[in-house]
Amino acid sequence: MTGKSSTGCPGPMSTSTAVATICRSCLTRVAHELPSTHVYRVLKPGGRLRVSVPNLEMLCRLFLHPSFDGDARWNVMRMMFGGRTSEHDVHHSGLTLEFMLAFLSELGFRDIKRVQEFRLSDDSSTLTFGGVPVSVNVEAWK
């Protein structure tokens, strides 16, 4: 798939041109409706979507875990809201498996399932904190 915006999300593309697309955290960086409807539009029928976003539910649990000190909670908070290392490293929303399943289903995706990880180059689908996976990884088909 060609074309990426400065946020790493797919850039302008023609309708039904992509056979697959991967979104790594970009759904939390912009409003929900824009990237998700765009991704559905550009995928060909039968196209595959892979989404990996920070798991807000798990991050909340980690943030409140009594064994973590202030430094650990600070790192978890940065995973929730973005590390702010650049103008695009900001999360405007928090997603959970429940939210992802609902959003993708509403858009018309089918065969939506959670996967453990994608194992695609240096992707965030394998990220852990304190030995706990902190991403929601979902695969869906148009």
C-alpha atoms as a PDB file:
ATOM      1  CA  MET A   1       0.000   0.000   0.000  1.00  0.00           C
ATOM      2  CA  THR A   2       1.387   3.380  -0.882  1.00  0.00           C
ATOM      3  CA  GLY A   3       0.750   6.781   0.570  1.00  0.00           C
ATOM      4  CA  LYS A   4       1.197   7.693   4.214  1.00  0.00           C
ATOM      5  CA  SER A   5       0.345  10.852   6.042  1.00  0.00           C
ATOM      6  CA  SER A   6       2.716  12.492   8.493  1.00  0.00           C
ATOM      7  CA  THR A   7       0.979  10.563  11.304  1.00  0.00           C
ATOM      8  CA  GLY A   8       1.823   7.234   9.674  1.00  0.00           C
ATOM      9  CA  CYS A   9      -1.785   6.623   8.703  1.00  0.00           C
ATOM     10  CA  PRO A  10      -2.692   5.857   5.105  1.00  0.00           C
ATOM     11  CA  GLY A  11      -2.744   8.975   2.974  1.00  0.00           C
ATOM     12  CA  PRO A  12      -5.189   9.785   0.164  1.00  0.00           C
ATOM     13  CA  MET A  13      -5.871   6.742  -2.016  1.00  0.00           C
ATOM     14  CA  SER A  14      -8.512   5.699  -4.494  1.00  0.00           C
ATOM     15  CA  THR A  15     -11.474   3.643  -3.349  1.00  0.00           C
ATOM     16  CA  SER A  16     -11.023  -0.158  -3.261  1.00  0.00           C
ATOM     17  CA  THR A  17      -7.352  -0.111  -4.268  1.00  0.00           C
ATOM     18  CA  ALA A  18      -5.576  -1.732  -1.298  1.00  0.00           C
ATOM     19  CA  VAL A  19      -5.462  -5.458  -0.609  1.00  0.00           C
ATOM     20  CA  ALA A  20      -4.180  -4.930   2.940  1.00  0.00           C
ATOM     21  CA  THR A  21      -3.423  -2.131   5.341  1.00  0.00           C
ATOM     22  CA  ILE A  22      -1.744  -1.925   8.714  1.00  0.00           C
ATOM     23  CA  CYS A  23      -2.522   0.705  11.355  1.00  0.00           C
ATOM     24  CA  ARG A  24      -0.066   0.936  14.213  1.00  0.00           C
ATOM     25  CA  SER A  25      -1.405   3.321  16.838  1.00  0.00           C
ATOM     26  CA  CYS A  26      -2.629   5.870  14.289  1.00  0.00           C
ATOM     27  CA  LEU A  27      -6.270   5.295  15.282  1.00  0.00           C
ATOM     28  CA  THR A  28      -5.514   6.763  18.705  1.00  0.00           C
ATOM     29  CA  ARG A  29      -3.684   9.757  17.218  1.00  0.00           C
ATOM     30  CA  VAL A  30      -6.631  11.217  15.271  1.00  0.00           C
ATOM     31  CA  ALA A  31     -10.442  11.216  15.490  1.00  0.00           C
ATOM     32  CA  HIS A  32     -11.917   7.701  15.232  1.00  0.00           C
ATOM     33  CA  GLU A  33     -14.168   8.312  12.262  1.00  0.00           C
ATOM     34  CA  LEU A  34     -11.586   9.677   9.847  1.00  0.00           C
ATOM     35  CA  PRO A  35      -8.943   6.950   9.658  1.00  0.00           C
ATOM     36  CA  SER A  36     -11.285   4.016  10.164  1.00  0.00           C
ATOM     37  CA  THR A  37     -13.761   5.028   7.459  1.00  0.00           C
ATOM     38  CA  HIS A  38     -10.856   5.893   5.160  1.00  0.00           C
ATOM     39  CA  VAL A  39      -9.246   2.499   5.741  1.00  0.00           C
ATOM     40  CA  TYR A  40     -12.511   0.712   4.938  1.00  0.00           C
ATOM     41  CA  ARG A  41     -12.991   2.787   1.805  1.00  0.00           C
ATOM     42  CA  VAL A  42      -9.550   2.097   0.321  1.00  0.00           C
ATOM     43  CA  LEU A  43      -9.565  -1.647   0.989  1.00  0.00           C
ATOM     44  CA  LYS A  44     -10.688  -3.892  -1.850  1.00  0.00           C
ATOM     45  CA  PRO A  45     -13.472  -6.366  -1.049  1.00  0.00           C
ATOM     46  CA  GLY A  46     -11.723  -9.241   0.712  1.00  0.00           C
ATOM     47  CA  GLY A  47      -8.913  -6.923   1.849  1.00  0.00           C
ATOM     48  CA  ARG A  48      -7.316  -7.412   5.270  1.00  0.00           C
ATOM     49  CA  LEU A  49      -6.880  -4.837   8.010  1.00  0.00           C
ATOM     50  CA  ARG A  50      -4.392  -5.258  10.838  1.00  0.00           C
ATOM     51  CA  VAL A  51      -4.691  -2.809  13.731  1.00  0.00           C
ATOM     52  CA  SER A  52      -2.441  -2.489  16.766  1.00  0.00           C
ATOM     53  CA  VAL A  53      -3.256   0.175  19.358  1.00  0.00           C
ATOM     54  CA  PRO A  54      -2.401   0.708  23.021  1.00  0.00           C
ATOM     55  CA  ASN A  55      -4.863  -1.259  25.172  1.00  0.00           C
ATOM     56  CA  LEU A  56      -6.372   1.400  27.433  1.00  0.00           C
ATOM     57  CA  GLU A  57      -7.964  -1.183  29.729  1.00  0.00           C
ATOM     58  CA  MET A  58      -4.651  -2.935  30.383  1.00  0.00           C
ATOM     59  CA  LEU A  59      -2.787   0.355  30.730  1.00  0.00           C
ATOM     60  CA  CYS A  60      -5.313   1.495  33.366  1.00  0.00           C
ATOM     61  CA  ARG A  61      -4.745  -1.712  35.310  1.00  0.00           C
ATOM     62  CA  LEU A  62      -0.979  -1.267  35.094  1.00  0.00           C
ATOM     63  CA  PHE A  63      -1.209   2.388  36.133  1.00  0.00           C
ATOM     64  CA  LEU A  64      -3.116   1.412  39.281  1.00  0.00           C
ATOM     65  CA  HIS A  65      -0.990  -1.651  40.094  1.00  0.00           C
ATOM     66  CA  PRO A  66       0.326  -1.255  43.656  1.00  0.00           C
ATOM     67  CA  SER A  67       3.767  -2.685  42.863  1.00  0.00           C
ATOM     68  CA  PHE A  68       4.631   0.104  40.411  1.00  0.00           C
ATOM     69  CA  ASP A  69       6.353   3.264  41.588  1.00  0.00           C
ATOM     70  CA  GLY A  70       5.961   6.786  40.229  1.00  0.00           C
ATOM     71  CA  ASP A  71       8.479   6.251  37.423  1.00  0.00           C
ATOM     72  CA  ALA A  72       6.645   3.161  36.202  1.00  0.00           C
ATOM     73  CA  ARG A  73       3.278   4.953  36.348  1.00  0.00           C
ATOM     74  CA  TRP A  74       4.812   7.868  34.402  1.00  0.00           C
ATOM     75  CA  ASN A  75       5.848   5.451  31.627  1.00  0.00           C
ATOM     76  CA  VAL A  76       2.391   3.871  31.553  1.00  0.00           C
ATOM     77  CA  MET A  77       0.796   7.321  31.376  1.00  0.00           C
ATOM     78  CA  ARG A  78       2.989   8.142  28.355  1.00  0.00           C
ATOM     79  CA  MET A  79       1.737   4.962  26.646  1.00  0.00           C
ATOM     80  CA  MET A  80      -1.835   6.118  27.296  1.00  0.00           C
ATOM     81  CA  PHE A  81      -1.478   9.689  26.031  1.00  0.00           C
ATOM     82  CA  GLY A  82       1.547   9.460  23.754  1.00  0.00           C
ATOM     83  CA  GLY A  83       5.175  10.061  24.562  1.00  0.00           C
ATOM     84  CA  ARG A  84       5.051  13.604  23.138  1.00  0.00           C
ATOM     85  CA  THR A  85       8.421  13.103  21.454  1.00  0.00           C
ATOM     86  CA  SER A  86       7.060  14.800  18.320  1.00  0.00           C
ATOM     87  CA  GLU A  87       3.966  16.756  17.307  1.00  0.00           C
ATOM     88  CA  HIS A  88       2.339  13.498  16.147  1.00  0.00           C
ATOM     89  CA  ASP A  89       3.212  11.452  19.246  1.00  0.00           C
ATOM     90  CA  VAL A  90      -0.067  12.324  20.980  1.00  0.00           C
ATOM     91  CA  HIS A  91      -3.012  10.008  21.600  1.00  0.00           C
ATOM     92  CA  HIS A  92      -6.403  11.700  21.337  1.00  0.00           C
ATOM     93  CA  SER A  93      -8.380   8.615  22.315  1.00  0.00           C
ATOM     94  CA  GLY A  94      -8.029   5.371  24.205  1.00  0.00           C
ATOM     95  CA  LEU A  95      -9.143   2.076  22.733  1.00  0.00           C
ATOM     96  CA  THR A  96      -9.971  -1.324  24.161  1.00  0.00           C
ATOM     97  CA  LEU A  97     -10.832  -4.638  22.525  1.00  0.00           C
ATOM     98  CA  GLU A  98     -14.522  -3.899  23.153  1.00  0.00           C
ATOM     99  CA  PHE A  99     -14.280  -0.533  21.364  1.00  0.00           C
ATOM    100  CA  MET A 100     -12.255  -1.956  18.453  1.00  0.00           C
ATOM    101  CA  LEU A 101     -14.729  -4.788  17.848  1.00  0.00           C
ATOM    102  CA  ALA A 102     -17.656  -2.349  17.884  1.00  0.00           C
ATOM    103  CA  PHE A 103     -16.000   0.231  15.578  1.00  0.00           C
ATOM    104  CA  LEU A 104     -14.860  -2.310  13.011  1.00  0.00           C
ATOM    105  CA  SER A 105     -18.188  -4.127  13.036  1.00  0.00           C
ATOM    106  CA  GLU A 106     -20.092  -0.850  12.540  1.00  0.00           C
ATOM    107  CA  LEU A 107     -17.905  -0.060   9.541  1.00  0.00           C
ATOM    108  CA  GLY A 108     -18.792  -3.378   7.936  1.00  0.00           C
ATOM    109  CA  PHE A 109     -15.647  -5.402   8.598  1.00  0.00           C
ATOM    110  CA  ARG A 110     -16.172  -9.143   9.051  1.00  0.00           C
ATOM    111  CA  ASP A 111     -14.253 -12.030  10.605  1.00  0.00           C
ATOM    112  CA  ILE A 112     -12.878  -9.655  13.225  1.00  0.00           C
ATOM    113  CA  LYS A 113     -10.561 -11.376  15.667  1.00  0.00           C
ATOM    114  CA  ARG A 114      -7.981 -10.518  18.261  1.00  0.00           C
ATOM    115  CA  VAL A 115      -4.508 -11.818  17.524  1.00  0.00           C
ATOM    116  CA  GLN A 116      -1.553 -12.154  19.857  1.00  0.00           C
ATOM    117  CA  GLU A 117       0.868 -10.213  17.630  1.00  0.00           C
ATOM    118  CA  PHE A 118       1.645  -9.480  13.990  1.00  0.00           C
ATOM    119  CA  ARG A 119       5.429  -9.974  13.936  1.00  0.00           C
ATOM    120  CA  LEU A 120       5.876  -7.406  11.181  1.00  0.00           C
ATOM    121  CA  SER A 121       9.269  -5.703  11.348  1.00  0.00           C
ATOM    122  CA  ASP A 122       9.465  -3.339  14.326  1.00  0.00           C
ATOM    123  CA  ASP A 123       5.799  -3.202  15.238  1.00  0.00           C
ATOM    124  CA  SER A 124       4.165  -2.318  18.535  1.00  0.00           C
ATOM    125  CA  SER A 125       1.965  -5.416  18.561  1.00  0.00           C
ATOM    126  CA  THR A 126       4.557  -7.189  20.709  1.00  0.00           C
ATOM    127  CA  LEU A 127       5.148  -4.365  23.205  1.00  0.00           C
ATOM    128  CA  THR A 128       5.059  -5.368  26.880  1.00  0.00           C
ATOM    129  CA  PHE A 129       5.431  -3.481  30.145  1.00  0.00           C
ATOM    130  CA  GLY A 130       6.226  -5.324  33.338  1.00  0.00           C
ATOM    131  CA  GLY A 131       5.911  -8.556  31.347  1.00  0.00           C
ATOM    132  CA  VAL A 132       2.323  -7.712  30.320  1.00  0.00           C
ATOM    133  CA  PRO A 133       1.234  -7.171  26.675  1.00  0.00           C
ATOM    134  CA  VAL A 134      -0.034  -3.591  26.309  1.00  0.00           C
ATOM    135  CA  SER A 135      -1.503  -3.616  22.774  1.00  0.00           C
ATOM    136  CA  VAL A 136      -4.855  -4.628  21.342  1.00  0.00           C
ATOM    137  CA  ASN A 137      -4.079  -6.401  18.060  1.00  0.00           C
ATOM    138  CA  VAL A 138      -7.005  -7.022  15.741  1.00  0.00           C
ATOM    139  CA  GLU A 139      -7.317  -8.467  12.260  1.00  0.00           C
ATOM    140  CA  ALA A 140     -10.441  -7.940  10.154  1.00  0.00           C
ATOM    141  CA  TRP A 141     -11.586  -8.470   6.566  1.00  0.00           C
ATOM    142  CA  LYS A 142     -13.657  -6.265   4.278  1.00  0.00           C
END
